[in-house]
Amino acid sequence: MTGPDDDGAHAGGPAGSPYGDPAGDAATTDAFALPGVPDPFERLWNPHRMAYIQAGPDQVTDEHTCPFCAAPARDDESSLIVHRGATCFVILNLYPYNPGHLLVCPYRHIPMYTDATAEETREMADLAQTAMLAFEAATRPKGYNLGMNQGVAGGAGIAAHLHQHVVPRWTGDGNFLPIIAHTKNMSQTLGQTREILARVWPQAAAEHAARRERNTQAASSAPTGTDAPRTPGASA
């Protein structure tokens, strides 16, 4: 047993410990006067996600509770809209999988791809292609993920309103953070991303029109299904 005058007894810790003496307290207290042991980790805070996590996908029940229906009624900056088309619009995902994650949505509140008109289907495809060219001009990704999740069972976060994902990808953009810490490191604010993509969108739209013309000409000289040889034994 140590006596009251032995080293460490009055300091509240073992000999040489910073805890319990003024100098040690200062070393383990941050600029906000909150105690704690310093460590080398950085914290990536995403408190905005809690609104989605608490409400879940069931928070959207109709047009009046749908964020995709509400967005076009607001200005582009506050709603994160990159481009407005005739039947569809392009908006940044508020909870992106990767920086630049876009959604192509019809204005109409429809749940399934089979509910889209020919005009909506055509414009969704055109806007997805234009978005890829906008990324090419702005950030030069190395690849893309494009897709639609249909229905709650299909993984749609907002199943009531059809939307197509356009996610730019870069080599090495995947790491352990989303898997281990459920955290994604975003290097740019959504407002900055929207401004950059909106600025290059006219250039991307012109490039898309030019490529479509070239592709149409190339396709016109390519063999079609009616030109393919018949399988031996197939009926006429």
Protein backbone atom coordinates (compact mmCIF):
# COMPACT_ATOMS: atom_id res chain seq x y z
CA MET A 1 0.00 0.00 0.00
CA THR A 2 1.29 3.47 -0.74
CA GLY A 3 1.12 6.32 1.69
CA PRO A 4 -0.60 9.65 1.06
CA ASP A 5 2.71 11.28 0.20
CA ASP A 6 3.77 8.70 -2.43
CA ASP A 7 3.94 9.70 -6.10
CA GLY A 8 0.64 9.28 -7.94
CA ALA A 9 -1.62 8.95 -4.91
CA HIS A 10 -2.69 12.60 -4.87
CA ALA A 11 -2.80 12.83 -8.68
CA GLY A 12 -5.59 10.30 -9.14
CA GLY A 13 -3.43 8.02 -11.28
CA PRO A 14 -0.14 6.18 -11.51
CA ALA A 15 3.20 7.90 -11.44
CA GLY A 16 3.79 9.90 -14.59
CA SER A 17 0.08 9.92 -15.55
CA PRO A 18 -1.30 13.18 -17.00
CA TYR A 19 -4.65 12.64 -15.29
CA GLY A 20 -5.32 14.61 -12.14
CA ASP A 21 -2.70 17.34 -12.49
CA PRO A 22 -3.25 20.70 -14.25
CA ALA A 23 -0.64 20.12 -16.95
CA GLY A 24 -2.10 16.73 -17.80
CA ASP A 25 -5.66 18.09 -17.82
CA ALA A 26 -4.65 20.75 -20.34
CA ALA A 27 -3.07 18.14 -22.56
CA THR A 28 -6.26 16.10 -22.72
CA THR A 29 -8.73 18.97 -23.09
CA ASP A 30 -9.64 20.31 -26.51
CA ALA A 31 -10.36 23.90 -27.61
CA PHE A 32 -13.98 23.54 -26.52
CA ALA A 33 -12.89 22.58 -22.97
CA LEU A 34 -14.24 19.07 -23.44
CA PRO A 35 -12.15 16.35 -21.79
CA GLY A 36 -11.00 13.30 -23.69
CA VAL A 37 -7.99 11.34 -24.78
CA PRO A 38 -6.71 12.63 -28.18
CA ASP A 39 -6.58 10.08 -30.99
CA PRO A 40 -5.55 10.19 -34.66
CA PHE A 41 -9.06 9.63 -36.06
CA GLU A 42 -11.05 12.19 -38.02
CA ARG A 43 -14.83 12.21 -37.59
CA LEU A 44 -17.07 12.49 -40.66
CA TRP A 45 -20.41 13.69 -39.35
CA ASN A 46 -23.56 13.01 -41.40
CA PRO A 47 -26.41 14.12 -39.10
CA HIS A 48 -28.64 15.06 -42.07
CA ARG A 49 -29.16 11.37 -42.79
CA MET A 50 -31.03 10.88 -39.52
CA ALA A 51 -34.18 12.44 -40.99
CA TYR A 52 -34.25 9.74 -43.66
CA ILE A 53 -33.20 6.93 -41.32
CA GLN A 54 -35.89 7.71 -38.75
CA ALA A 55 -38.72 8.08 -41.26
CA GLY A 56 -37.58 5.35 -43.66
CA PRO A 57 -38.92 4.68 -47.16
CA ASP A 58 -42.53 4.67 -45.91
CA GLN A 59 -42.43 8.45 -45.42
CA VAL A 60 -43.57 8.94 -49.05
CA THR A 61 -47.22 7.95 -49.43
CA ASP A 62 -48.49 10.20 -52.25
CA GLU A 63 -47.70 13.30 -54.32
CA HIS A 64 -48.05 15.54 -51.25
CA THR A 65 -45.28 13.77 -49.33
CA CYS A 66 -43.00 13.06 -52.30
CA PRO A 67 -39.74 15.05 -52.49
CA PHE A 68 -39.50 14.45 -56.25
CA CYS A 69 -42.91 16.07 -56.72
CA ALA A 70 -42.02 19.00 -54.44
CA ALA A 71 -38.60 19.77 -55.94
CA PRO A 72 -39.71 21.28 -59.30
CA ALA A 73 -41.88 23.82 -57.45
CA ARG A 74 -38.79 25.30 -55.79
CA ASP A 75 -35.81 27.08 -57.33
CA ASP A 76 -32.99 25.00 -58.78
CA GLU A 77 -30.43 25.91 -56.13
CA SER A 78 -32.50 24.94 -53.09
CA SER A 79 -33.93 21.82 -54.72
CA LEU A 80 -30.57 20.74 -56.22
CA ILE A 81 -32.03 20.50 -59.73
CA VAL A 82 -29.35 20.39 -62.43
CA HIS A 83 -31.62 20.48 -65.49
CA ARG A 84 -35.34 20.71 -66.32
CA GLY A 85 -36.57 18.93 -69.42
CA ALA A 86 -39.99 18.68 -71.04
CA THR A 87 -41.23 15.57 -69.23
CA CYS A 88 -38.35 14.80 -66.83
CA PHE A 89 -35.79 16.63 -64.71
CA VAL A 90 -32.33 15.88 -63.33
CA ILE A 91 -31.68 16.30 -59.61
CA LEU A 92 -28.81 15.52 -57.25
CA ASN A 93 -29.37 12.73 -54.77
CA LEU A 94 -29.53 14.22 -51.27
CA TYR A 95 -28.01 11.00 -49.90
CA PRO A 96 -25.41 10.20 -52.60
CA TYR A 97 -23.65 6.88 -53.02
CA ASN A 98 -20.75 8.77 -54.62
CA PRO A 99 -19.95 12.43 -55.37
CA GLY A 100 -22.13 13.63 -58.25
CA HIS A 101 -24.85 10.99 -57.81
CA LEU A 102 -27.76 12.14 -60.03
CA LEU A 103 -31.38 11.07 -60.38
CA VAL A 104 -33.43 11.41 -63.56
CA CYS A 105 -37.11 11.71 -62.63
CA PRO A 106 -40.33 12.21 -64.59
CA TYR A 107 -42.45 15.09 -63.34
CA ARG A 108 -45.41 12.74 -63.07
CA HIS A 109 -45.79 10.77 -59.85
CA ILE A 110 -45.58 7.25 -61.28
CA PRO A 111 -44.00 4.24 -59.52
CA MET A 112 -42.90 1.86 -62.28
CA TYR A 113 -40.90 2.08 -65.49
CA THR A 114 -43.81 0.42 -67.30
CA ASP A 115 -46.00 3.41 -66.30
CA ALA A 116 -43.85 5.86 -68.30
CA THR A 117 -45.02 7.21 -71.65
CA ALA A 118 -42.90 6.90 -74.78
CA GLU A 119 -41.90 10.55 -74.41
CA GLU A 120 -40.90 10.11 -70.75
CA THR A 121 -38.96 6.94 -71.53
CA ARG A 122 -37.12 8.63 -74.38
CA GLU A 123 -36.26 11.73 -72.37
CA MET A 124 -35.10 9.72 -69.34
CA ALA A 125 -32.63 7.94 -71.62
CA ASP A 126 -31.51 11.18 -73.27
CA LEU A 127 -30.97 12.92 -69.93
CA ALA A 128 -29.02 9.97 -68.52
CA GLN A 129 -26.71 10.05 -71.55
CA THR A 130 -26.36 13.83 -71.29
CA ALA A 131 -25.53 13.49 -67.60
CA MET A 132 -22.69 11.13 -68.46
CA LEU A 133 -21.30 13.67 -70.94
CA ALA A 134 -21.65 16.43 -68.33
CA PHE A 135 -19.56 14.37 -65.95
CA GLU A 136 -17.02 13.81 -68.73
CA ALA A 137 -16.67 17.57 -69.12
CA ALA A 138 -16.62 18.34 -65.41
CA THR A 139 -14.93 15.53 -63.50
CA ARG A 140 -13.81 12.82 -65.98
CA PRO A 141 -15.01 9.66 -64.17
CA LYS A 142 -13.57 6.27 -65.06
CA GLY A 143 -16.96 4.54 -65.13
CA TYR A 144 -20.64 4.76 -64.21
CA ASN A 145 -23.40 2.88 -62.48
CA LEU A 146 -26.82 3.39 -64.10
CA GLY A 147 -29.98 1.70 -62.93
CA MET A 148 -33.48 1.74 -61.51
CA ASN A 149 -34.67 0.02 -58.37
CA GLN A 150 -38.32 -0.91 -58.86
CA GLY A 151 -40.54 -1.35 -55.81
CA VAL A 152 -39.64 -1.65 -52.13
CA ALA A 153 -38.57 -5.27 -52.59
CA GLY A 154 -36.32 -4.14 -55.44
CA GLY A 155 -34.46 -1.73 -53.15
CA ALA A 156 -36.09 1.56 -54.15
CA GLY A 157 -35.66 4.17 -51.41
CA ILE A 158 -38.64 6.11 -52.75
CA ALA A 159 -40.63 3.44 -54.55
CA ALA A 160 -43.65 5.64 -55.25
CA HIS A 161 -41.87 7.92 -57.74
CA LEU A 162 -39.88 6.49 -60.64
CA HIS A 163 -36.24 7.61 -60.83
CA GLN A 164 -33.08 6.49 -62.58
CA HIS A 165 -29.69 6.61 -60.89
CA VAL A 166 -26.60 7.93 -62.66
CA VAL A 167 -23.56 7.43 -60.42
CA PRO A 168 -20.06 8.44 -61.60
CA ARG A 169 -17.23 6.18 -60.46
CA TRP A 170 -13.48 6.63 -60.13
CA THR A 171 -10.77 4.03 -59.68
CA GLY A 172 -10.25 3.51 -55.96
CA ASP A 173 -13.36 5.41 -54.85
CA GLY A 174 -14.53 2.38 -52.88
CA ASN A 175 -12.95 1.75 -49.48
CA PHE A 176 -13.70 0.30 -46.05
CA LEU A 177 -15.48 3.38 -44.66
CA PRO A 178 -18.99 2.65 -46.00
CA ILE A 179 -18.70 -1.01 -44.99
CA ILE A 180 -17.13 -0.70 -41.55
CA ALA A 181 -18.26 2.77 -40.46
CA HIS A 182 -21.38 3.30 -42.62
CA THR A 183 -19.80 6.60 -43.63
CA LYS A 184 -19.05 8.03 -47.07
CA ASN A 185 -16.34 10.63 -47.52
CA MET A 186 -17.75 13.42 -49.72
CA SER A 187 -15.14 15.87 -51.00
CA GLN A 188 -17.54 18.50 -52.35
CA THR A 189 -20.79 20.07 -51.18
CA LEU A 190 -24.00 19.30 -53.06
CA GLY A 191 -24.40 22.97 -53.94
CA GLN A 192 -20.97 23.10 -55.54
CA THR A 193 -21.64 19.91 -57.49
CA ARG A 194 -24.99 21.22 -58.77
CA GLU A 195 -23.40 24.50 -59.88
CA ILE A 196 -20.61 22.75 -61.80
CA LEU A 197 -22.93 20.29 -63.57
CA ALA A 198 -25.50 22.96 -64.42
CA ARG A 199 -22.75 25.10 -65.95
CA VAL A 200 -21.48 22.34 -68.26
CA TRP A 201 -24.94 20.94 -69.07
CA PRO A 202 -25.50 23.01 -72.27
CA GLN A 203 -22.13 21.84 -73.58
CA ALA A 204 -23.02 18.24 -72.73
CA ALA A 205 -26.45 18.57 -74.41
CA ALA A 206 -24.81 19.83 -77.62
CA GLU A 207 -22.31 16.98 -77.54
CA HIS A 208 -25.13 14.49 -76.97
CA ALA A 209 -27.04 15.81 -80.00
CA ALA A 210 -23.91 15.56 -82.17
CA ARG A 211 -23.16 12.03 -81.02
CA ARG A 212 -26.76 10.97 -81.56
CA GLU A 213 -26.57 12.19 -85.15
CA ARG A 214 -23.32 10.29 -85.76
CA ASN A 215 -24.67 7.16 -84.09
CA THR A 216 -27.87 7.33 -86.13
CA GLN A 217 -25.89 7.53 -89.35
CA ALA A 218 -23.69 4.62 -88.30
CA ALA A 219 -26.71 2.53 -87.31
CA SER A 220 -28.43 3.16 -90.63
CA SER A 221 -25.68 1.27 -92.47
CA ALA A 222 -25.45 -1.58 -89.95
CA PRO A 223 -27.26 -4.89 -90.54
CA THR A 224 -30.65 -5.22 -88.87
CA GLY A 225 -32.52 -8.20 -87.53
CA THR A 226 -34.30 -8.68 -90.86
CA ASP A 227 -30.91 -8.97 -92.58
CA ALA A 228 -29.66 -11.74 -90.30
CA PRO A 229 -29.48 -15.25 -91.78
CA ARG A 230 -32.23 -17.58 -90.68
CA THR A 231 -31.45 -20.43 -88.35
CA PRO A 232 -31.43 -23.75 -90.24
CA GLY A 233 -34.75 -25.48 -89.81
CA ALA A 234 -36.60 -22.34 -88.65
CA SER A 235 -40.05 -21.84 -90.10
CA ALA A 236 -40.66 -18.96 -92.49
